[in-house]
Every structure is written in structure tokens, then in C-alpha cells.
Amino acid sequence: MILVMLYIFPMTLFTQEDVSVKFSFKRPNEFVCEIQNMTEYEMSILLSKEEAEGHSDLYFDIVGLRNDTTRNVYYGLMQDVNNQSQILRLNSGESYTISYKEYFRFIKAHVYIKYGVRSPTPIFVAHYRKTFDLNEVRRRAYCRPVLKEDEE
């Protein structure tokens, strides 16, 4: 029984998502990124003021004026690099939101988050990495939800 518990317990730790990242689109040209702490404890996210720092970052793939794609253009996750601390603290369930105006068409977002969770056990540091298809996010924003009256 104890061996079964030891086997199952670590598996549940790795299957739980600590961070939730969502992108939405606000017409006519703004993407909103929301980062949420999904743990029961305080989370500290290390933000980058510059690309070379290697903390939490956001890169966009962009389609330019000549229909050429430029990959991994650094945008960062800080709202104000002059006044914001590089350590973002989120309590359980709390969110951090930042928006980006689209001057060229964003097609993908590559998010990397480096964070630590202050739990009763020693603080652990983890990483979150995900790529978002922004064409799909934009398409969902322009699709009108189907109403029950329309179905009948």
C-alpha cells in the first residue's frame, strides 16, 4: 500500500499545472496575455527587462509588410520596465495581464515563464513554456457566438 502511495503521489504533482497562460484578442488590433497562479501558494515570476536576461519572456512571430515572416521578435512580459520590479508576486488564483498593440500581424506567441512557488516544503523553481497560434485566437474573437434563437 505504501509503495502504491509513493508511486501515485509524485505523479499527481507533475500532472498539476502551476501556471495558466491565456491569450485573447480585442478588436481592432490588440492581444491580451493573462498569466494566472494556479497553485495554493504565493508564486514569484522572474521578469526580464532585456532579452538577454533569460528570465520570463514573450516572443512573437510577425508577418511584415512584404508578407515575410520574422520569427522570435522579443516583446517581454513587463508592463513598465522603468517602474516595475523584475519579481512579480501572485497570490493563489491571482492574475497578471499585459496587452500588446499589433502594428504588424502577430501569428504566433512563444511564452516562457520562470517561476518559484513558496510552499510549506522548500521553495521550488519551475519553468513553463508554450506556443500559441494567434491566428486561431483572432478567429475566435471574430466568430459570433451562436445563440439559441439562431439555432431554431
C-alpha atoms as a PDB file:
ATOM      1  CA  MET A   1       0.000   0.000   0.000  1.00  0.00           C
ATOM      2  CA  ILE A   2       2.794   2.420   0.915  1.00  0.00           C
ATOM      3  CA  LEU A   3       4.623   1.690  -2.331  1.00  0.00           C
ATOM      4  CA  VAL A   4       1.452   2.443  -4.295  1.00  0.00           C
ATOM      5  CA  MET A   5       1.030   5.773  -2.460  1.00  0.00           C
ATOM      6  CA  LEU A   6       4.663   6.725  -3.098  1.00  0.00           C
ATOM      7  CA  TYR A   7       4.215   5.919  -6.769  1.00  0.00           C
ATOM      8  CA  ILE A   8       0.930   7.824  -7.219  1.00  0.00           C
ATOM      9  CA  PHE A   9       1.772  10.929  -5.145  1.00  0.00           C
ATOM     10  CA  PRO A  10       4.692  12.204  -7.280  1.00  0.00           C
ATOM     11  CA  MET A  11       2.671  11.593 -10.445  1.00  0.00           C
ATOM     12  CA  THR A  12      -0.083  13.913  -9.203  1.00  0.00           C
ATOM     13  CA  LEU A  13       2.472  16.636  -8.507  1.00  0.00           C
ATOM     14  CA  PHE A  14       3.743  16.589 -12.076  1.00  0.00           C
ATOM     15  CA  THR A  15       0.297  16.500 -13.682  1.00  0.00           C
ATOM     16  CA  GLN A  16      -0.899  19.667 -11.929  1.00  0.00           C
ATOM     17  CA  GLU A  17      -0.422  22.919 -13.849  1.00  0.00           C
ATOM     18  CA  ASP A  18       1.012  25.685 -11.673  1.00  0.00           C
ATOM     19  CA  VAL A  19       0.587  28.445 -14.254  1.00  0.00           C
ATOM     20  CA  SER A  20      -2.235  29.190 -16.680  1.00  0.00           C
ATOM     21  CA  VAL A  21      -1.498  31.426 -19.673  1.00  0.00           C
ATOM     22  CA  LYS A  22      -4.265  32.612 -21.992  1.00  0.00           C
ATOM     23  CA  PHE A  23      -4.303  34.914 -24.993  1.00  0.00           C
ATOM     24  CA  SER A  24      -7.340  36.863 -26.159  1.00  0.00           C
ATOM     25  CA  PHE A  25      -7.863  39.379 -28.935  1.00  0.00           C
ATOM     26  CA  LYS A  26      -9.516  42.790 -28.556  1.00  0.00           C
ATOM     27  CA  ARG A  27     -10.582  44.352 -31.810  1.00  0.00           C
ATOM     28  CA  PRO A  28      -9.227  46.014 -33.820  1.00  0.00           C
ATOM     29  CA  ASN A  29      -5.550  45.209 -33.078  1.00  0.00           C
ATOM     30  CA  GLU A  30      -4.706  44.231 -29.501  1.00  0.00           C
ATOM     31  CA  PHE A  31      -3.670  40.920 -27.972  1.00  0.00           C
ATOM     32  CA  VAL A  32      -4.063  40.397 -24.226  1.00  0.00           C
ATOM     33  CA  CYS A  33      -1.915  37.903 -22.322  1.00  0.00           C
ATOM     34  CA  GLU A  34      -3.160  36.714 -18.927  1.00  0.00           C
ATOM     35  CA  ILE A  35      -0.914  34.747 -16.560  1.00  0.00           C
ATOM     36  CA  GLN A  36      -2.606  33.144 -13.561  1.00  0.00           C
ATOM     37  CA  ASN A  37      -1.203  31.439 -10.463  1.00  0.00           C
ATOM     38  CA  MET A  38      -2.986  28.068 -10.214  1.00  0.00           C
ATOM     39  CA  THR A  39      -1.264  26.919  -7.004  1.00  0.00           C
ATOM     40  CA  GLU A  40      -2.442  27.256  -3.404  1.00  0.00           C
ATOM     41  CA  TYR A  41       0.624  29.337  -2.537  1.00  0.00           C
ATOM     42  CA  GLU A  42       2.349  32.591  -3.452  1.00  0.00           C
ATOM     43  CA  MET A  43       4.218  32.485  -6.738  1.00  0.00           C
ATOM     44  CA  SER A  44       7.146  34.675  -7.795  1.00  0.00           C
ATOM     45  CA  ILE A  45       7.716  35.122 -11.522  1.00  0.00           C
ATOM     46  CA  LEU A  46      11.071  36.436 -12.722  1.00  0.00           C
ATOM     47  CA  LEU A  47      10.521  39.012 -15.465  1.00  0.00           C
ATOM     48  CA  SER A  48      13.125  40.296 -17.928  1.00  0.00           C
ATOM     49  CA  LYS A  49      13.890  43.947 -18.578  1.00  0.00           C
ATOM     50  CA  GLU A  50      16.012  42.947 -21.572  1.00  0.00           C
ATOM     51  CA  GLU A  51      16.077  39.975 -23.910  1.00  0.00           C
ATOM     52  CA  ALA A  52      19.449  38.608 -22.790  1.00  0.00           C
ATOM     53  CA  GLU A  53      18.498  38.177 -19.114  1.00  0.00           C
ATOM     54  CA  GLY A  54      16.993  34.726 -19.586  1.00  0.00           C
ATOM     55  CA  HIS A  55      14.035  35.115 -17.234  1.00  0.00           C
ATOM     56  CA  SER A  56      10.372  35.017 -18.306  1.00  0.00           C
ATOM     57  CA  ASP A  57       9.987  36.135 -21.902  1.00  0.00           C
ATOM     58  CA  LEU A  58       7.484  36.569 -24.706  1.00  0.00           C
ATOM     59  CA  TYR A  59       8.386  36.395 -28.383  1.00  0.00           C
ATOM     60  CA  PHE A  60       6.076  36.906 -31.369  1.00  0.00           C
ATOM     61  CA  ASP A  61       6.328  35.592 -34.909  1.00  0.00           C
ATOM     62  CA  ILE A  62       5.283  38.532 -37.095  1.00  0.00           C
ATOM     63  CA  VAL A  63       4.199  38.909 -40.718  1.00  0.00           C
ATOM     64  CA  GLY A  64       5.732  42.073 -42.160  1.00  0.00           C
ATOM     65  CA  LEU A  65       4.712  44.495 -44.896  1.00  0.00           C
ATOM     66  CA  ARG A  66       6.059  42.288 -47.693  1.00  0.00           C
ATOM     67  CA  ASN A  67       4.295  39.197 -46.331  1.00  0.00           C
ATOM     68  CA  ASP A  68       7.585  37.938 -44.898  1.00  0.00           C
ATOM     69  CA  THR A  69       7.657  36.225 -41.508  1.00  0.00           C
ATOM     70  CA  THR A  70      10.086  37.318 -38.814  1.00  0.00           C
ATOM     71  CA  ARG A  71      10.372  34.770 -36.034  1.00  0.00           C
ATOM     72  CA  ASN A  72      11.013  35.286 -32.316  1.00  0.00           C
ATOM     73  CA  VAL A  73      10.730  39.062 -32.043  1.00  0.00           C
ATOM     74  CA  TYR A  74      11.250  39.926 -28.371  1.00  0.00           C
ATOM     75  CA  TYR A  75       8.426  41.800 -26.622  1.00  0.00           C
ATOM     76  CA  GLY A  76       8.826  40.817 -22.972  1.00  0.00           C
ATOM     77  CA  LEU A  77       6.240  40.465 -20.228  1.00  0.00           C
ATOM     78  CA  MET A  78       6.895  43.661 -18.264  1.00  0.00           C
ATOM     79  CA  GLN A  79       4.284  46.408 -18.440  1.00  0.00           C
ATOM     80  CA  ASP A  80       6.721  49.172 -17.472  1.00  0.00           C
ATOM     81  CA  VAL A  81      10.441  48.387 -17.499  1.00  0.00           C
ATOM     82  CA  ASN A  82      11.219  51.681 -15.731  1.00  0.00           C
ATOM     83  CA  ASN A  83       8.868  51.334 -12.747  1.00  0.00           C
ATOM     84  CA  GLN A  84       8.070  47.629 -12.406  1.00  0.00           C
ATOM     85  CA  SER A  85      10.063  45.225 -10.259  1.00  0.00           C
ATOM     86  CA  GLN A  86      11.603  42.243 -12.019  1.00  0.00           C
ATOM     87  CA  ILE A  87       9.916  39.956  -9.489  1.00  0.00           C
ATOM     88  CA  LEU A  88       6.163  39.647  -9.966  1.00  0.00           C
ATOM     89  CA  ARG A  89       4.381  38.136  -6.960  1.00  0.00           C
ATOM     90  CA  LEU A  90       0.991  36.495  -7.462  1.00  0.00           C
ATOM     91  CA  ASN A  91      -1.126  35.063  -4.667  1.00  0.00           C
ATOM     92  CA  SER A  92      -3.173  31.915  -5.237  1.00  0.00           C
ATOM     93  CA  GLY A  93      -5.662  32.480  -8.072  1.00  0.00           C
ATOM     94  CA  GLU A  94      -4.322  35.960  -8.827  1.00  0.00           C
ATOM     95  CA  SER A  95      -3.666  37.050 -12.435  1.00  0.00           C
ATOM     96  CA  TYR A  96      -1.266  39.359 -14.237  1.00  0.00           C
ATOM     97  CA  THR A  97      -2.442  40.886 -17.515  1.00  0.00           C
ATOM     98  CA  ILE A  98      -0.486  42.683 -20.207  1.00  0.00           C
ATOM     99  CA  SER A  99      -1.574  43.772 -23.676  1.00  0.00           C
ATOM    100  CA  TYR A 100       0.220  44.297 -26.980  1.00  0.00           C
ATOM    101  CA  LYS A 101      -0.869  46.514 -29.869  1.00  0.00           C
ATOM    102  CA  GLU A 102      -0.465  44.820 -33.209  1.00  0.00           C
ATOM    103  CA  TYR A 103       1.261  47.099 -35.745  1.00  0.00           C
ATOM    104  CA  PHE A 104       2.318  44.111 -37.848  1.00  0.00           C
ATOM    105  CA  ARG A 105       0.289  40.897 -37.849  1.00  0.00           C
ATOM    106  CA  PHE A 106       1.204  38.578 -34.965  1.00  0.00           C
ATOM    107  CA  ILE A 107       0.840  34.922 -35.948  1.00  0.00           C
ATOM    108  CA  LYS A 108       2.421  33.043 -33.018  1.00  0.00           C
ATOM    109  CA  ALA A 109       3.362  33.806 -29.435  1.00  0.00           C
ATOM    110  CA  HIS A 110       6.100  31.900 -27.637  1.00  0.00           C
ATOM    111  CA  VAL A 111       5.825  32.233 -23.860  1.00  0.00           C
ATOM    112  CA  TYR A 112       8.499  31.180 -21.395  1.00  0.00           C
ATOM    113  CA  ILE A 113       7.878  31.689 -17.671  1.00  0.00           C
ATOM    114  CA  LYS A 114      10.411  31.061 -14.927  1.00  0.00           C
ATOM    115  CA  TYR A 115       8.763  30.986 -11.504  1.00  0.00           C
ATOM    116  CA  GLY A 116       9.116  29.866  -7.921  1.00  0.00           C
ATOM    117  CA  VAL A 117       6.377  28.718  -5.560  1.00  0.00           C
ATOM    118  CA  ARG A 118       6.593  29.390  -1.835  1.00  0.00           C
ATOM    119  CA  SER A 119       5.003  26.271  -0.332  1.00  0.00           C
ATOM    120  CA  PRO A 120       5.367  24.550   3.074  1.00  0.00           C
ATOM    121  CA  THR A 121       8.089  22.404   1.530  1.00  0.00           C
ATOM    122  CA  PRO A 122      11.180  24.221   0.290  1.00  0.00           C
ATOM    123  CA  ILE A 123      10.586  26.755  -2.491  1.00  0.00           C
ATOM    124  CA  PHE A 124      10.758  25.098  -5.860  1.00  0.00           C
ATOM    125  CA  VAL A 125      11.659  26.744  -9.162  1.00  0.00           C
ATOM    126  CA  ALA A 126       9.973  25.593 -12.333  1.00  0.00           C
ATOM    127  CA  HIS A 127       9.553  26.579 -15.971  1.00  0.00           C
ATOM    128  CA  TYR A 128       6.509  26.940 -18.220  1.00  0.00           C
ATOM    129  CA  ARG A 129       6.823  27.006 -21.995  1.00  0.00           C
ATOM    130  CA  LYS A 130       4.039  27.185 -24.554  1.00  0.00           C
ATOM    131  CA  THR A 131       3.393  28.381 -28.117  1.00  0.00           C
ATOM    132  CA  PHE A 132       0.065  29.973 -29.064  1.00  0.00           C
ATOM    133  CA  ASP A 133      -1.452  30.162 -32.555  1.00  0.00           C
ATOM    134  CA  LEU A 134      -2.613  33.780 -32.646  1.00  0.00           C
ATOM    135  CA  ASN A 135      -4.470  33.325 -35.934  1.00  0.00           C
ATOM    136  CA  GLU A 136      -6.779  30.948 -34.068  1.00  0.00           C
ATOM    137  CA  VAL A 137      -7.148  33.389 -31.149  1.00  0.00           C
ATOM    138  CA  ARG A 138      -8.039  36.158 -33.622  1.00  0.00           C
ATOM    139  CA  ARG A 139     -10.511  33.878 -35.440  1.00  0.00           C
ATOM    140  CA  ARG A 140     -12.308  33.059 -32.170  1.00  0.00           C
ATOM    141  CA  ALA A 141     -12.639  36.776 -31.392  1.00  0.00           C
ATOM    142  CA  TYR A 142     -14.295  37.444 -34.746  1.00  0.00           C
ATOM    143  CA  CYS A 143     -16.632  34.437 -34.647  1.00  0.00           C
ATOM    144  CA  ARG A 144     -20.034  35.424 -33.327  1.00  0.00           C
ATOM    145  CA  PRO A 145     -21.336  33.039 -30.641  1.00  0.00           C
ATOM    146  CA  VAL A 146     -24.351  31.021 -31.759  1.00  0.00           C
ATOM    147  CA  LEU A 147     -27.489  31.987 -29.860  1.00  0.00           C
ATOM    148  CA  LYS A 148     -30.347  29.580 -29.118  1.00  0.00           C
ATOM    149  CA  GLU A 149     -32.679  31.765 -31.184  1.00  0.00           C
ATOM    150  CA  ASP A 150     -30.380  31.342 -34.205  1.00  0.00           C
ATOM    151  CA  GLU A 151     -30.466  27.544 -33.873  1.00  0.00           C
ATOM    152  CA  GLU A 152     -34.264  27.358 -34.046  1.00  0.00           C
END
